[in-house]
Protein backbone atom coordinates (compact mmCIF):
# COMPACT_ATOMS: atom_id res chain seq x y z
CA UNK A 1 19.20 13.55 15.96
CA UNK A 2 16.38 15.30 17.72
CA UNK A 3 13.60 16.87 15.66
CA UNK A 4 14.69 15.43 12.32
CA UNK A 5 13.22 12.64 10.26
CA UNK A 6 15.41 9.59 10.11
CA UNK A 7 16.13 8.50 6.57
CA UNK A 8 16.48 4.96 5.39
CA UNK A 9 18.43 3.46 2.52
CA UNK A 10 18.01 5.45 -0.74
CA UNK A 11 17.19 8.67 1.18
CA UNK A 12 13.52 7.89 1.82
CA UNK A 13 12.21 8.95 5.21
CA UNK A 14 10.52 6.42 7.49
CA UNK A 15 7.13 7.81 6.53
CA UNK A 16 7.74 7.65 2.78
CA UNK A 17 7.17 4.54 0.67
CA UNK A 18 9.80 3.72 -1.95
CA UNK A 19 7.99 3.89 -5.32
CA UNK A 20 9.40 0.55 -6.47
CA UNK A 21 8.92 -1.28 -3.16
CA UNK A 22 5.21 -1.92 -2.58
CA UNK A 23 3.78 -2.15 0.90
CA UNK A 24 4.00 -5.72 2.16
CA UNK A 25 0.68 -7.50 2.50
CA UNK A 26 -0.10 -10.89 4.01
CA UNK A 27 -0.97 -13.68 1.61
CA UNK A 28 -4.72 -14.01 1.30
CA UNK A 29 -6.56 -17.33 1.18
CA UNK A 30 -8.41 -15.84 -1.83
CA UNK A 31 -6.54 -16.28 -5.09
CA UNK A 32 -8.17 -13.26 -6.74
CA UNK A 33 -6.97 -10.95 -3.94
CA UNK A 34 -3.40 -12.24 -4.33
CA UNK A 35 -3.63 -11.85 -8.09
CA UNK A 36 -4.78 -8.24 -7.72
CA UNK A 37 -1.98 -7.51 -5.25
CA UNK A 38 0.61 -8.87 -7.69
CA UNK A 39 -0.92 -6.90 -10.57
CA UNK A 40 -0.83 -3.71 -8.51
CA UNK A 41 2.72 -4.37 -7.30
CA UNK A 42 4.05 -4.95 -10.81
CA UNK A 43 1.83 -2.42 -12.55
CA UNK A 44 4.72 -0.94 -14.57
CA UNK A 45 6.28 -4.29 -15.56
CA UNK A 46 5.04 -5.25 -18.99
CA UNK A 47 6.81 -8.63 -18.95
CA UNK A 48 5.07 -10.05 -15.86
CA UNK A 49 2.52 -12.70 -16.84
CA UNK A 50 -0.16 -14.01 -14.50
CA UNK A 51 -2.01 -17.12 -15.56
CA UNK A 52 -4.74 -18.84 -13.59
CA UNK A 53 -4.67 -22.62 -13.87
CA UNK A 54 -7.53 -24.91 -12.81
CA UNK A 55 -5.69 -27.60 -10.86
CA UNK A 56 -8.41 -30.25 -10.60
CA UNK A 57 -11.57 -31.20 -12.40
CA UNK A 58 -13.37 -29.27 -9.65
CA UNK A 59 -13.45 -25.70 -10.98
CA UNK A 60 -13.25 -24.35 -7.40
CA UNK A 61 -9.51 -25.10 -7.17
CA UNK A 62 -7.04 -22.90 -9.01
CA UNK A 63 -3.39 -21.91 -8.91
CA UNK A 64 -1.78 -18.73 -10.13
CA UNK A 65 1.30 -19.08 -12.28
CA UNK A 66 3.44 -15.92 -12.31
CA UNK A 67 6.42 -15.62 -14.63
CA UNK A 68 8.40 -13.26 -16.84
CA UNK A 69 7.50 -13.29 -20.52
CA UNK A 70 10.44 -14.35 -22.62
CA UNK A 71 12.13 -16.11 -19.69
CA UNK A 72 10.26 -19.39 -20.09
CA UNK A 73 9.36 -21.37 -23.18
CA UNK A 74 5.61 -21.81 -23.58
CA UNK A 75 5.91 -25.51 -24.42
CA UNK A 76 7.88 -26.09 -21.21
CA UNK A 77 5.27 -24.17 -19.22
CA UNK A 78 2.50 -26.31 -20.71
CA UNK A 79 4.29 -29.64 -20.21
CA UNK A 80 6.02 -29.09 -16.86
CA UNK A 81 3.43 -27.01 -15.05
CA UNK A 82 -0.02 -26.74 -16.64
CA UNK A 83 -0.49 -30.41 -17.57
CA UNK A 84 0.86 -31.65 -14.24
CA UNK A 85 -1.40 -29.39 -12.21
CA UNK A 86 -4.60 -29.79 -14.19
């Protein structure tokens, strides 16, 4: 079609951003930037939990654990992930 805007799935034009599909961003080497991107992307999701874990005795090394509240038992998280990484 000439002169019309092509629409994509869900009737959003090529120039429009789907409100539930955030713009894709490359993974940053900086953990805080990735954490902020995830927080912004899931701003309306109250069950998303982000937890920074120090993964060595050197406080410069961290990991970010992202999970859904209520979908994982806290004791499992502590035993299987936190203790093994720290």
